[in-house]
């Protein structure tokens, strides 16, 4: 059973924008931390951004700071990743994942935070190309 469903990926030109959406299922909606990580062809996974509920901590990997914004819609139980000024190096499959350990800190592991995730979806492909 898929616990999280990502959507919003697609083909966009350099400098363009996309908004990714993540819909956690009822089984994982009581997460402690939620975030996005990505994997480009032939590269390691990289944590992009995460948000912790308990203290509101957010993290952005250096390459996306001031371009990407993570947000949460508590009413609809959705999480978003707004991506602006996209670059070719942002091309990757983007995954949404959750952490249920209440002692997990979004910022402590840097871009390796994805290694602490308990659940993640099948991903959505973002291609930045002219």
Foldseek 3Di string as FASTA:
>chain_A
DAQKDKDWADEAAQQAKIKMKMAGDPVCLQFQKKFKWWDDPPDDIWTAKMAGDPVRDMAGAPVQPPFWDWDADVVRSMIMIIGGRDDQVVWTWMKMFGARPNPDDRPPVHGVSVVRTDHIGPTDTHGHHD
